[in-house]
Amino acid sequence: MSVIQPHLDFLMSHLLSAVFVAFLIEGAGVPFPSRIILILAATALTDAWELARLVLVTAAGALIGDHVPYLGGKLAGPRLLTLYCRMTLGSERCVERTVAYFKRFGTAAIVLSRFS
């Protein structure tokens, strides 16, 4: 018995949960191979109802994951921005320039950032 087999058995028994978590993580902005997990999950399905559930779970995970960064920005925006500028070794004016950018472009900056 291989070392990987128990993990694969666990994932197969919790397939929809694994897909949900994978798309939640990727939707939150963390690079994650959720599309590969989705393809592998689809190959394990046996009927159309399971496919429908897989589509719903995938959409829910991606939708909720997309809202995580917005919630983080709303609850701890200035602290997260300061941390980001410090971690990326940005200049001392990093926070000021970012705030000025969002004041200038507002909602359009947030909407268009989803496509970058």
PDB file of N, CA and C in Angstrom:
ATOM      1  N   MET A   1       0.839  -1.183   0.000  1.00  0.00           N
ATOM      2  CA  MET A   1       0.000   0.000   0.000  1.00  0.00           C
ATOM      3  C   MET A   1       0.885   1.247   0.000  1.00  0.00           C
ATOM      4  N   SER A   2       0.564   2.170  -0.871  1.00  0.00           N
ATOM      5  CA  SER A   2       1.398   3.368  -0.980  1.00  0.00           C
ATOM      6  C   SER A   2       1.071   4.369   0.125  1.00  0.00           C
ATOM      7  N   VAL A   3       1.940   5.304   0.288  1.00  0.00           N
ATOM      8  CA  VAL A   3       1.759   6.344   1.298  1.00  0.00           C
ATOM      9  C   VAL A   3       0.632   7.291   0.900  1.00  0.00           C
ATOM     10  N   ILE A   4       0.413   7.453  -0.377  1.00  0.00           N
ATOM     11  CA  ILE A   4      -0.578   8.404  -0.878  1.00  0.00           C
ATOM     12  C   ILE A   4      -2.001   7.853  -0.808  1.00  0.00           C
ATOM     13  N   GLN A   5      -2.158   6.546  -0.858  1.00  0.00           N
ATOM     14  CA  GLN A   5      -3.480   5.936  -0.960  1.00  0.00           C
ATOM     15  C   GLN A   5      -4.453   6.355   0.145  1.00  0.00           C
ATOM     16  N   PRO A   6      -4.060   6.389   1.417  1.00  0.00           N
ATOM     17  CA  PRO A   6      -5.025   6.833   2.442  1.00  0.00           C
ATOM     18  C   PRO A   6      -5.513   8.265   2.207  1.00  0.00           C
ATOM     19  N   HIS A   7      -4.634   9.120   1.710  1.00  0.00           N
ATOM     20  CA  HIS A   7      -5.027  10.502   1.435  1.00  0.00           C
ATOM     21  C   HIS A   7      -5.999  10.569   0.260  1.00  0.00           C
ATOM     22  N   LEU A   8      -5.749   9.771  -0.755  1.00  0.00           N
ATOM     23  CA  LEU A   8      -6.661   9.728  -1.897  1.00  0.00           C
ATOM     24  C   LEU A   8      -8.024   9.188  -1.499  1.00  0.00           C
ATOM     25  N   ASP A   9      -8.037   8.166  -0.652  1.00  0.00           N
ATOM     26  CA  ASP A   9      -9.306   7.620  -0.168  1.00  0.00           C
ATOM     27  C   ASP A   9     -10.094   8.668   0.614  1.00  0.00           C
ATOM     28  N   PHE A  10      -9.385   9.438   1.441  1.00  0.00           N
ATOM     29  CA  PHE A  10     -10.045  10.494   2.212  1.00  0.00           C
ATOM     30  C   PHE A  10     -10.639  11.552   1.281  1.00  0.00           C
ATOM     31  N   LEU A  11      -9.856  11.976   0.285  1.00  0.00           N
ATOM     32  CA  LEU A  11     -10.351  12.981  -0.651  1.00  0.00           C
ATOM     33  C   LEU A  11     -11.539  12.472  -1.462  1.00  0.00           C
ATOM     34  N   MET A  12     -11.508  11.211  -1.849  1.00  0.00           N
ATOM     35  CA  MET A  12     -12.626  10.653  -2.615  1.00  0.00           C
ATOM     36  C   MET A  12     -13.897  10.584  -1.780  1.00  0.00           C
ATOM     37  N   SER A  13     -13.749  10.363  -0.479  1.00  0.00           N
ATOM     38  CA  SER A  13     -14.937  10.307   0.371  1.00  0.00           C
ATOM     39  C   SER A  13     -15.450  11.703   0.724  1.00  0.00           C
ATOM     40  N   HIS A  14     -14.635  12.722   0.512  1.00  0.00           N
ATOM     41  CA  HIS A  14     -15.026  14.111   0.782  1.00  0.00           C
ATOM     42  C   HIS A  14     -14.801  14.963  -0.475  1.00  0.00           C
ATOM     43  N   LEU A  15     -15.222  14.455  -1.597  1.00  0.00           N
ATOM     44  CA  LEU A  15     -14.913  15.060  -2.890  1.00  0.00           C
ATOM     45  C   LEU A  15     -15.474  16.473  -3.030  1.00  0.00           C
ATOM     46  N   LEU A  16     -16.747  16.653  -2.730  1.00  0.00           N
ATOM     47  CA  LEU A  16     -17.354  17.968  -2.896  1.00  0.00           C
ATOM     48  C   LEU A  16     -16.757  18.988  -1.932  1.00  0.00           C
ATOM     49  N   SER A  17     -16.447  18.559  -0.734  1.00  0.00           N
ATOM     50  CA  SER A  17     -15.814  19.467   0.235  1.00  0.00           C
ATOM     51  C   SER A  17     -14.435  19.897  -0.247  1.00  0.00           C
ATOM     52  N   ALA A  18     -13.690  18.968  -0.817  1.00  0.00           N
ATOM     53  CA  ALA A  18     -12.352  19.291  -1.322  1.00  0.00           C
ATOM     54  C   ALA A  18     -12.428  20.299  -2.464  1.00  0.00           C
ATOM     55  N   VAL A  19     -13.399  20.132  -3.355  1.00  0.00           N
ATOM     56  CA  VAL A  19     -13.563  21.069  -4.468  1.00  0.00           C
ATOM     57  C   VAL A  19     -13.976  22.442  -3.937  1.00  0.00           C
ATOM     58  N   PHE A  20     -14.896  22.469  -2.982  1.00  0.00           N
ATOM     59  CA  PHE A  20     -15.330  23.740  -2.390  1.00  0.00           C
ATOM     60  C   PHE A  20     -14.153  24.486  -1.768  1.00  0.00           C
ATOM     61  N   VAL A  21     -13.368  23.790  -0.961  1.00  0.00           N
ATOM     62  CA  VAL A  21     -12.222  24.421  -0.291  1.00  0.00           C
ATOM     63  C   VAL A  21     -11.183  24.879  -1.312  1.00  0.00           C
ATOM     64  N   ALA A  22     -10.951  24.086  -2.346  1.00  0.00           N
ATOM     65  CA  ALA A  22      -9.975  24.464  -3.375  1.00  0.00           C
ATOM     66  C   ALA A  22     -10.386  25.757  -4.066  1.00  0.00           C
ATOM     67  N   PHE A  23     -11.655  25.880  -4.437  1.00  0.00           N
ATOM     68  CA  PHE A  23     -12.109  27.096  -5.106  1.00  0.00           C
ATOM     69  C   PHE A  23     -12.235  28.262  -4.140  1.00  0.00           C
ATOM     70  N   LEU A  24     -12.490  27.996  -2.888  1.00  0.00           N
ATOM     71  CA  LEU A  24     -12.499  29.043  -1.868  1.00  0.00           C
ATOM     72  C   LEU A  24     -11.104  29.643  -1.719  1.00  0.00           C
ATOM     73  N   ILE A  25     -10.102  28.788  -1.660  1.00  0.00           N
ATOM     74  CA  ILE A  25      -8.712  29.249  -1.519  1.00  0.00           C
ATOM     75  C   ILE A  25      -8.292  30.056  -2.741  1.00  0.00           C
ATOM     76  N   GLU A  26      -8.569  29.531  -3.932  1.00  0.00           N
ATOM     77  CA  GLU A  26      -8.162  30.250  -5.141  1.00  0.00           C
ATOM     78  C   GLU A  26      -8.947  31.545  -5.305  1.00  0.00           C
ATOM     79  N   GLY A  27     -10.222  31.514  -4.961  1.00  0.00           N
ATOM     80  CA  GLY A  27     -11.027  32.727  -5.056  1.00  0.00           C
ATOM     81  C   GLY A  27     -10.544  33.824  -4.133  1.00  0.00           C
ATOM     82  N   ALA A  28      -9.946  33.439  -3.019  1.00  0.00           N
ATOM     83  CA  ALA A  28      -9.418  34.418  -2.065  1.00  0.00           C
ATOM     84  C   ALA A  28      -8.103  35.018  -2.540  1.00  0.00           C
ATOM     85  N   GLY A  29      -7.562  34.531  -3.643  1.00  0.00           N
ATOM     86  CA  GLY A  29      -6.358  35.129  -4.206  1.00  0.00           C
ATOM     87  C   GLY A  29      -5.085  34.346  -4.005  1.00  0.00           C
ATOM     88  N   VAL A  30      -5.170  33.203  -3.370  1.00  0.00           N
ATOM     89  CA  VAL A  30      -3.984  32.377  -3.152  1.00  0.00           C
ATOM     90  C   VAL A  30      -3.828  31.441  -4.354  1.00  0.00           C
ATOM     91  N   PRO A  31      -2.665  31.423  -4.993  1.00  0.00           N
ATOM     92  CA  PRO A  31      -2.484  30.500  -6.121  1.00  0.00           C
ATOM     93  C   PRO A  31      -2.688  29.046  -5.672  1.00  0.00           C
ATOM     94  N   PHE A  32      -3.594  28.364  -6.326  1.00  0.00           N
ATOM     95  CA  PHE A  32      -3.943  27.003  -5.931  1.00  0.00           C
ATOM     96  C   PHE A  32      -4.448  26.266  -7.167  1.00  0.00           C
ATOM     97  N   PRO A  33      -4.139  24.990  -7.324  1.00  0.00           N
ATOM     98  CA  PRO A  33      -4.530  24.252  -8.536  1.00  0.00           C
ATOM     99  C   PRO A  33      -5.981  23.757  -8.498  1.00  0.00           C
ATOM    100  N   SER A  34      -6.923  24.660  -8.309  1.00  0.00           N
ATOM    101  CA  SER A  34      -8.316  24.244  -8.165  1.00  0.00           C
ATOM    102  C   SER A  34      -8.891  23.664  -9.454  1.00  0.00           C
ATOM    103  N   ARG A  35      -8.447  24.147 -10.598  1.00  0.00           N
ATOM    104  CA  ARG A  35      -8.983  23.619 -11.855  1.00  0.00           C
ATOM    105  C   ARG A  35      -8.577  22.163 -12.063  1.00  0.00           C
ATOM    106  N   ILE A  36      -7.382  21.828 -11.651  1.00  0.00           N
ATOM    107  CA  ILE A  36      -6.940  20.433 -11.747  1.00  0.00           C
ATOM    108  C   ILE A  36      -7.787  19.562 -10.827  1.00  0.00           C
ATOM    109  N   ILE A  37      -8.047  20.050  -9.631  1.00  0.00           N
ATOM    110  CA  ILE A  37      -8.880  19.307  -8.683  1.00  0.00           C
ATOM    111  C   ILE A  37     -10.286  19.143  -9.241  1.00  0.00           C
ATOM    112  N   LEU A  38     -10.804  20.174  -9.899  1.00  0.00           N
ATOM    113  CA  LEU A  38     -12.134  20.090 -10.498  1.00  0.00           C
ATOM    114  C   LEU A  38     -12.180  19.029 -11.595  1.00  0.00           C
ATOM    115  N   ILE A  39     -11.182  18.992 -12.442  1.00  0.00           N
ATOM    116  CA  ILE A  39     -11.143  17.992 -13.516  1.00  0.00           C
ATOM    117  C   ILE A  39     -11.057  16.584 -12.936  1.00  0.00           C
ATOM    118  N   LEU A  40     -10.213  16.408 -11.942  1.00  0.00           N
ATOM    119  CA  LEU A  40     -10.100  15.092 -11.310  1.00  0.00           C
ATOM    120  C   LEU A  40     -11.401  14.695 -10.620  1.00  0.00           C
ATOM    121  N   ALA A  41     -12.061  15.659  -9.996  1.00  0.00           N
ATOM    122  CA  ALA A  41     -13.335  15.366  -9.332  1.00  0.00           C
ATOM    123  C   ALA A  41     -14.394  14.973 -10.357  1.00  0.00           C
ATOM    124  N   ALA A  42     -14.403  15.650 -11.488  1.00  0.00           N
ATOM    125  CA  ALA A  42     -15.395  15.344 -12.520  1.00  0.00           C
ATOM    126  C   ALA A  42     -15.224  13.938 -13.072  1.00  0.00           C
ATOM    127  N   THR A  43     -13.996  13.445 -13.106  1.00  0.00           N
ATOM    128  CA  THR A  43     -13.784  12.084 -13.609  1.00  0.00           C
ATOM    129  C   THR A  43     -14.300  11.028 -12.640  1.00  0.00           C
ATOM    130  N   ALA A  44     -14.490  11.397 -11.381  1.00  0.00           N
ATOM    131  CA  ALA A  44     -14.958  10.439 -10.382  1.00  0.00           C
ATOM    132  C   ALA A  44     -16.480  10.398 -10.272  1.00  0.00           C
ATOM    133  N   LEU A  45     -17.177  11.252 -11.004  1.00  0.00           N
ATOM    134  CA  LEU A  45     -18.635  11.309 -10.903  1.00  0.00           C
ATOM    135  C   LEU A  45     -19.279  10.138 -11.631  1.00  0.00           C
ATOM    136  N   THR A  46     -20.458   9.764 -11.154  1.00  0.00           N
ATOM    137  CA  THR A  46     -21.145   8.618 -11.752  1.00  0.00           C
ATOM    138  C   THR A  46     -22.460   8.969 -12.423  1.00  0.00           C
ATOM    139  N   ASP A  47     -23.071  10.124 -12.089  1.00  0.00           N
ATOM    140  CA  ASP A  47     -24.334  10.477 -12.740  1.00  0.00           C
ATOM    141  C   ASP A  47     -24.485  11.996 -12.861  1.00  0.00           C
ATOM    142  N   ALA A  48     -25.551  12.418 -13.535  1.00  0.00           N
ATOM    143  CA  ALA A  48     -25.766  13.840 -13.818  1.00  0.00           C
ATOM    144  C   ALA A  48     -26.053  14.645 -12.555  1.00  0.00           C
ATOM    145  N   TRP A  49     -26.698  14.034 -11.569  1.00  0.00           N
ATOM    146  CA  TRP A  49     -26.993  14.763 -10.326  1.00  0.00           C
ATOM    147  C   TRP A  49     -25.709  15.120  -9.584  1.00  0.00           C
ATOM    148  N   GLU A  50     -24.751  14.230  -9.609  1.00  0.00           N
ATOM    149  CA  GLU A  50     -23.470  14.543  -8.974  1.00  0.00           C
ATOM    150  C   GLU A  50     -22.769  15.679  -9.709  1.00  0.00           C
ATOM    151  N   LEU A  51     -22.904  15.711 -11.027  1.00  0.00           N
ATOM    152  CA  LEU A  51     -22.313  16.799 -11.803  1.00  0.00           C
ATOM    153  C   LEU A  51     -22.969  18.130 -11.437  1.00  0.00           C
ATOM    154  N   ALA A  52     -24.277  18.134 -11.293  1.00  0.00           N
ATOM    155  CA  ALA A  52     -24.984  19.359 -10.905  1.00  0.00           C
ATOM    156  C   ALA A  52     -24.531  19.833  -9.524  1.00  0.00           C
ATOM    157  N   ARG A  53     -24.391  18.903  -8.598  1.00  0.00           N
ATOM    158  CA  ARG A  53     -23.910  19.273  -7.257  1.00  0.00           C
ATOM    159  C   ARG A  53     -22.482  19.801  -7.320  1.00  0.00           C
ATOM    160  N   LEU A  54     -21.657  19.202  -8.166  1.00  0.00           N
ATOM    161  CA  LEU A  54     -20.277  19.660  -8.315  1.00  0.00           C
ATOM    162  C   LEU A  54     -20.234  21.091  -8.856  1.00  0.00           C
ATOM    163  N   VAL A  55     -21.069  21.391  -9.829  1.00  0.00           N
ATOM    164  CA  VAL A  55     -21.120  22.744 -10.388  1.00  0.00           C
ATOM    165  C   VAL A  55     -21.557  23.747  -9.321  1.00  0.00           C
ATOM    166  N   LEU A  56     -22.573  23.406  -8.540  1.00  0.00           N
ATOM    167  CA  LEU A  56     -23.047  24.309  -7.481  1.00  0.00           C
ATOM    168  C   LEU A  56     -21.990  24.532  -6.404  1.00  0.00           C
ATOM    169  N   VAL A  57     -21.330  23.466  -5.997  1.00  0.00           N
ATOM    170  CA  VAL A  57     -20.294  23.578  -4.964  1.00  0.00           C
ATOM    171  C   VAL A  57     -19.120  24.407  -5.476  1.00  0.00           C
ATOM    172  N   THR A  58     -18.748  24.205  -6.739  1.00  0.00           N
ATOM    173  CA  THR A  58     -17.655  24.969  -7.336  1.00  0.00           C
ATOM    174  C   THR A  58     -18.000  26.455  -7.375  1.00  0.00           C
ATOM    175  N   ALA A  59     -19.199  26.765  -7.831  1.00  0.00           N
ATOM    176  CA  ALA A  59     -19.620  28.168  -7.909  1.00  0.00           C
ATOM    177  C   ALA A  59     -19.688  28.802  -6.522  1.00  0.00           C
ATOM    178  N   ALA A  60     -20.195  28.071  -5.546  1.00  0.00           N
ATOM    179  CA  ALA A  60     -20.289  28.610  -4.184  1.00  0.00           C
ATOM    180  C   ALA A  60     -18.904  28.882  -3.605  1.00  0.00           C
ATOM    181  N   GLY A  61     -17.983  27.964  -3.793  1.00  0.00           N
ATOM    182  CA  GLY A  61     -16.627  28.161  -3.284  1.00  0.00           C
ATOM    183  C   GLY A  61     -15.948  29.362  -3.920  1.00  0.00           C
ATOM    184  N   ALA A  62     -16.093  29.507  -5.235  1.00  0.00           N
ATOM    185  CA  ALA A  62     -15.475  30.640  -5.935  1.00  0.00           C
ATOM    186  C   ALA A  62     -16.118  31.958  -5.521  1.00  0.00           C
ATOM    187  N   LEU A  63     -17.430  31.965  -5.386  1.00  0.00           N
ATOM    188  CA  LEU A  63     -18.139  33.187  -5.016  1.00  0.00           C
ATOM    189  C   LEU A  63     -17.787  33.639  -3.604  1.00  0.00           C
ATOM    190  N   ILE A  64     -17.803  32.722  -2.680  1.00  0.00           N
ATOM    191  CA  ILE A  64     -17.450  33.065  -1.296  1.00  0.00           C
ATOM    192  C   ILE A  64     -15.980  33.459  -1.213  1.00  0.00           C
ATOM    193  N   GLY A  65     -15.124  32.734  -1.918  1.00  0.00           N
ATOM    194  CA  GLY A  65     -13.701  33.063  -1.923  1.00  0.00           C
ATOM    195  C   GLY A  65     -13.417  34.442  -2.494  1.00  0.00           C
ATOM    196  N   ASP A  66     -14.196  34.865  -3.498  1.00  0.00           N
ATOM    197  CA  ASP A  66     -14.023  36.200  -4.067  1.00  0.00           C
ATOM    198  C   ASP A  66     -14.336  37.297  -3.056  1.00  0.00           C
ATOM    199  N   HIS A  67     -15.188  37.012  -2.105  1.00  0.00           N
ATOM    200  CA  HIS A  67     -15.577  38.027  -1.123  1.00  0.00           C
ATOM    201  C   HIS A  67     -14.611  38.133   0.053  1.00  0.00           C
ATOM    202  N   VAL A  68     -13.753  37.159   0.235  1.00  0.00           N
ATOM    203  CA  VAL A  68     -12.808  37.178   1.366  1.00  0.00           C
ATOM    204  C   VAL A  68     -11.884  38.397   1.321  1.00  0.00           C
ATOM    205  N   PRO A  69     -11.241  38.719   0.181  1.00  0.00           N
ATOM    206  CA  PRO A  69     -10.377  39.908   0.174  1.00  0.00           C
ATOM    207  C   PRO A  69     -11.145  41.209   0.434  1.00  0.00           C
ATOM    208  N   TYR A  70     -12.361  41.309  -0.075  1.00  0.00           N
ATOM    209  CA  TYR A  70     -13.155  42.511   0.161  1.00  0.00           C
ATOM    210  C   TYR A  70     -13.501  42.653   1.642  1.00  0.00           C
ATOM    211  N   LEU A  71     -13.851  41.544   2.273  1.00  0.00           N
ATOM    212  CA  LEU A  71     -14.151  41.570   3.704  1.00  0.00           C
ATOM    213  C   LEU A  71     -12.906  41.945   4.501  1.00  0.00           C
ATOM    214  N   GLY A  72     -11.764  41.392   4.118  1.00  0.00           N
ATOM    215  CA  GLY A  72     -10.510  41.746   4.782  1.00  0.00           C
ATOM    216  C   GLY A  72     -10.193  43.220   4.633  1.00  0.00           C
ATOM    217  N   GLY A  73     -10.438  43.766   3.449  1.00  0.00           N
ATOM    218  CA  GLY A  73     -10.204  45.188   3.224  1.00  0.00           C
ATOM    219  C   GLY A  73     -11.143  46.063   4.026  1.00  0.00           C
ATOM    220  N   LYS A  74     -12.378  45.620   4.149  1.00  0.00           N
ATOM    221  CA  LYS A  74     -13.360  46.403   4.913  1.00  0.00           C
ATOM    222  C   LYS A  74     -13.049  46.386   6.406  1.00  0.00           C
ATOM    223  N   LEU A  75     -12.651  45.226   6.919  1.00  0.00           N
ATOM    224  CA  LEU A  75     -12.418  45.094   8.360  1.00  0.00           C
ATOM    225  C   LEU A  75     -11.049  45.595   8.797  1.00  0.00           C
ATOM    226  N   ALA A  76     -10.039  45.419   7.969  1.00  0.00           N
ATOM    227  CA  ALA A  76      -8.677  45.765   8.389  1.00  0.00           C
ATOM    228  C   ALA A  76      -7.892  46.405   7.254  1.00  0.00           C
ATOM    229  N   GLY A  77      -8.539  47.230   6.448  1.00  0.00           N
ATOM    230  CA  GLY A  77      -7.913  47.812   5.270  1.00  0.00           C
ATOM    231  C   GLY A  77      -6.587  48.509   5.510  1.00  0.00           C
ATOM    232  N   PRO A  78      -6.551  49.542   6.361  1.00  0.00           N
ATOM    233  CA  PRO A  78      -5.286  50.261   6.560  1.00  0.00           C
ATOM    234  C   PRO A  78      -4.163  49.376   7.121  1.00  0.00           C
ATOM    235  N   ARG A  79      -4.511  48.492   8.033  1.00  0.00           N
ATOM    236  CA  ARG A  79      -3.480  47.604   8.592  1.00  0.00           C
ATOM    237  C   ARG A  79      -2.956  46.645   7.537  1.00  0.00           C
ATOM    238  N   LEU A  80      -3.858  46.090   6.715  1.00  0.00           N
ATOM    239  CA  LEU A  80      -3.422  45.180   5.654  1.00  0.00           C
ATOM    240  C   LEU A  80      -2.582  45.907   4.608  1.00  0.00           C
ATOM    241  N   LEU A  81      -2.963  47.127   4.288  1.00  0.00           N
ATOM    242  CA  LEU A  81      -2.196  47.905   3.314  1.00  0.00           C
ATOM    243  C   LEU A  81      -0.800  48.211   3.839  1.00  0.00           C
ATOM    244  N   THR A  82      -0.710  48.591   5.094  1.00  0.00           N
ATOM    245  CA  THR A  82       0.596  48.859   5.702  1.00  0.00           C
ATOM    246  C   THR A  82       1.451  47.597   5.713  1.00  0.00           C
ATOM    247  N   LEU A  83       0.849  46.475   6.068  1.00  0.00           N
ATOM    248  CA  LEU A  83       1.570  45.199   6.079  1.00  0.00           C
ATOM    249  C   LEU A  83       2.041  44.835   4.674  1.00  0.00           C
ATOM    250  N   TYR A  84       1.169  45.000   3.687  1.00  0.00           N
ATOM    251  CA  TYR A  84       1.530  44.686   2.301  1.00  0.00           C
ATOM    252  C   TYR A  84       2.704  45.547   1.834  1.00  0.00           C
ATOM    253  N   CYS A  85       2.640  46.839   2.109  1.00  0.00           N
ATOM    254  CA  CYS A  85       3.730  47.733   1.681  1.00  0.00           C
ATOM    255  C   CYS A  85       5.039  47.375   2.375  1.00  0.00           C
ATOM    256  N   ARG A  86       4.952  46.957   3.624  1.00  0.00           N
ATOM    257  CA  ARG A  86       6.162  46.569   4.347  1.00  0.00           C
ATOM    258  C   ARG A  86       6.725  45.257   3.801  1.00  0.00           C
ATOM    259  N   MET A  87       5.847  44.284   3.501  1.00  0.00           N
ATOM    260  CA  MET A  87       6.305  42.973   3.029  1.00  0.00           C
ATOM    261  C   MET A  87       6.876  43.042   1.616  1.00  0.00           C
ATOM    262  N   THR A  88       6.352  43.931   0.785  1.00  0.00           N
ATOM    263  CA  THR A  88       6.847  44.038  -0.588  1.00  0.00           C
ATOM    264  C   THR A  88       7.992  45.030  -0.708  1.00  0.00           C
ATOM    265  N   LEU A  89       8.459  45.502   0.427  1.00  0.00           N
ATOM    266  CA  LEU A  89       9.568  46.455   0.477  1.00  0.00           C
ATOM    267  C   LEU A  89       9.256  47.710  -0.328  1.00  0.00           C
ATOM    268  N   GLY A  90       7.987  48.136  -0.263  1.00  0.00           N
ATOM    269  CA  GLY A  90       7.575  49.356  -0.949  1.00  0.00           C
ATOM    270  C   GLY A  90       8.193  50.575  -0.292  1.00  0.00           C
ATOM    271  N   SER A  91       8.141  51.681  -1.019  1.00  0.00           N
ATOM    272  CA  SER A  91       8.709  52.913  -0.481  1.00  0.00           C
ATOM    273  C   SER A  91       7.879  53.393   0.704  1.00  0.00           C
ATOM    274  N   GLU A  92       8.382  54.410   1.362  1.00  0.00           N
ATOM    275  CA  GLU A  92       7.665  54.945   2.517  1.00  0.00           C
ATOM    276  C   GLU A  92       6.357  55.608   2.099  1.00  0.00           C
ATOM    277  N   ARG A  93       6.249  55.969   0.838  1.00  0.00           N
ATOM    278  CA  ARG A  93       5.026  56.612   0.350  1.00  0.00           C
ATOM    279  C   ARG A  93       4.041  55.607  -0.236  1.00  0.00           C
ATOM    280  N   CYS A  94       4.300  54.336  -0.100  1.00  0.00           N
ATOM    281  CA  CYS A  94       3.460  53.284  -0.685  1.00  0.00           C
ATOM    282  C   CYS A  94       2.010  53.413  -0.233  1.00  0.00           C
ATOM    283  N   VAL A  95       1.796  53.558   1.061  1.00  0.00           N
ATOM    284  CA  VAL A  95       0.435  53.652   1.592  1.00  0.00           C
ATOM    285  C   VAL A  95      -0.235  54.921   1.076  1.00  0.00           C
ATOM    286  N   GLU A  96       0.476  56.032   1.104  1.00  0.00           N
ATOM    287  CA  GLU A  96      -0.093  57.305   0.650  1.00  0.00           C
ATOM    288  C   GLU A  96      -0.491  57.240  -0.824  1.00  0.00           C
ATOM    289  N   ARG A  97       0.383  56.678  -1.662  1.00  0.00           N
ATOM    290  CA  ARG A  97       0.087  56.587  -3.095  1.00  0.00           C
ATOM    291  C   ARG A  97      -1.100  55.667  -3.357  1.00  0.00           C
ATOM    292  N   THR A  98      -1.180  54.572  -2.610  1.00  0.00           N
ATOM    293  CA  THR A  98      -2.286  53.636  -2.808  1.00  0.00           C
ATOM    294  C   THR A  98      -3.612  54.268  -2.411  1.00  0.00           C
ATOM    295  N   VAL A  99      -3.631  54.960  -1.291  1.00  0.00           N
ATOM    296  CA  VAL A  99      -4.856  55.636  -0.850  1.00  0.00           C
ATOM    297  C   VAL A  99      -5.261  56.702  -1.868  1.00  0.00           C
ATOM    298  N   ALA A 100      -4.295  57.464  -2.371  1.00  0.00           N
ATOM    299  CA  ALA A 100      -4.591  58.490  -3.378  1.00  0.00           C
ATOM    300  C   ALA A 100      -5.134  57.854  -4.658  1.00  0.00           C
ATOM    301  N   TYR A 101      -4.591  56.713  -5.040  1.00  0.00           N
ATOM    302  CA  TYR A 101      -5.054  56.001  -6.236  1.00  0.00           C
ATOM    303  C   TYR A 101      -6.517  55.585  -6.086  1.00  0.00           C
ATOM    304  N   PHE A 102      -6.858  55.022  -4.930  1.00  0.00           N
ATOM    305  CA  PHE A 102      -8.238  54.590  -4.721  1.00  0.00           C
ATOM    306  C   PHE A 102      -9.191  55.772  -4.571  1.00  0.00           C
ATOM    307  N   LYS A 103      -8.711  56.887  -4.040  1.00  0.00           N
ATOM    308  CA  LYS A 103      -9.563  58.078  -3.977  1.00  0.00           C
ATOM    309  C   LYS A 103      -9.822  58.616  -5.379  1.00  0.00           C
ATOM    310  N   ARG A 104      -8.830  58.499  -6.243  1.00  0.00           N
ATOM    311  CA  ARG A 104      -8.972  59.021  -7.598  1.00  0.00           C
ATOM    312  C   ARG A 104      -9.868  58.143  -8.468  1.00  0.00           C
ATOM    313  N   PHE A 105      -9.635  56.813  -8.419  1.00  0.00           N
ATOM    314  CA  PHE A 105     -10.361  55.917  -9.321  1.00  0.00           C
ATOM    315  C   PHE A 105     -11.508  55.165  -8.655  1.00  0.00           C
ATOM    316  N   GLY A 106     -11.532  55.085  -7.346  1.00  0.00           N
ATOM    317  CA  GLY A 106     -12.645  54.515  -6.592  1.00  0.00           C
ATOM    318  C   GLY A 106     -13.063  53.118  -7.006  1.00  0.00           C
ATOM    319  N   THR A 107     -14.363  52.982  -7.248  1.00  0.00           N
ATOM    320  CA  THR A 107     -14.965  51.685  -7.546  1.00  0.00           C
ATOM    321  C   THR A 107     -14.394  51.062  -8.815  1.00  0.00           C
ATOM    322  N   ALA A 108     -14.088  51.881  -9.801  1.00  0.00           N
ATOM    323  CA  ALA A 108     -13.546  51.348 -11.060  1.00  0.00           C
ATOM    324  C   ALA A 108     -12.243  50.588 -10.818  1.00  0.00           C
ATOM    325  N   ALA A 109     -11.425  51.071  -9.900  1.00  0.00           N
ATOM    326  CA  ALA A 109     -10.159  50.388  -9.597  1.00  0.00           C
ATOM    327  C   ALA A 109     -10.417  49.010  -9.009  1.00  0.00           C
ATOM    328  N   ILE A 110     -11.412  48.907  -8.151  1.00  0.00           N
ATOM    329  CA  ILE A 110     -11.724  47.618  -7.524  1.00  0.00           C
ATOM    330  C   ILE A 110     -12.306  46.655  -8.555  1.00  0.00           C
ATOM    331  N   VAL A 111     -13.232  47.145  -9.362  1.00  0.00           N
ATOM    332  CA  VAL A 111     -13.861  46.284 -10.366  1.00  0.00           C
ATOM    333  C   VAL A 111     -12.832  45.800 -11.384  1.00  0.00           C
ATOM    334  N   LEU A 112     -12.004  46.699 -11.894  1.00  0.00           N
ATOM    335  CA  LEU A 112     -11.018  46.320 -12.908  1.00  0.00           C
ATOM    336  C   LEU A 112      -9.885  45.479 -12.338  1.00  0.00           C
ATOM    337  N   SER A 113      -9.635  45.571 -11.042  1.00  0.00           N
ATOM    338  CA  SER A 113      -8.562  44.765 -10.443  1.00  0.00           C
ATOM    339  C   SER A 113      -8.883  43.273 -10.485  1.00  0.00           C
ATOM    340  N   ARG A 114     -10.148  42.919 -10.576  1.00  0.00           N
ATOM    341  CA  ARG A 114     -10.535  41.503 -10.645  1.00  0.00           C
ATOM    342  C   ARG A 114     -10.094  40.875 -11.961  1.00  0.00           C
ATOM    343  N   PHE A 115      -9.823  41.686 -12.969  1.00  0.00           N
ATOM    344  CA  PHE A 115      -9.444  41.169 -14.280  1.00  0.00           C
ATOM    345  C   PHE A 115      -7.940  41.175 -14.504  1.00  0.00           C
ATOM    346  N   SER A 116      -7.180  41.571 -13.507  1.00  0.00           N
ATOM    347  CA  SER A 116      -5.725  41.603 -13.674  1.00  0.00           C
ATOM    348  C   SER A 116      -5.098  40.308 -13.224  1.00  0.00           C
TER     349      SER A 116
END
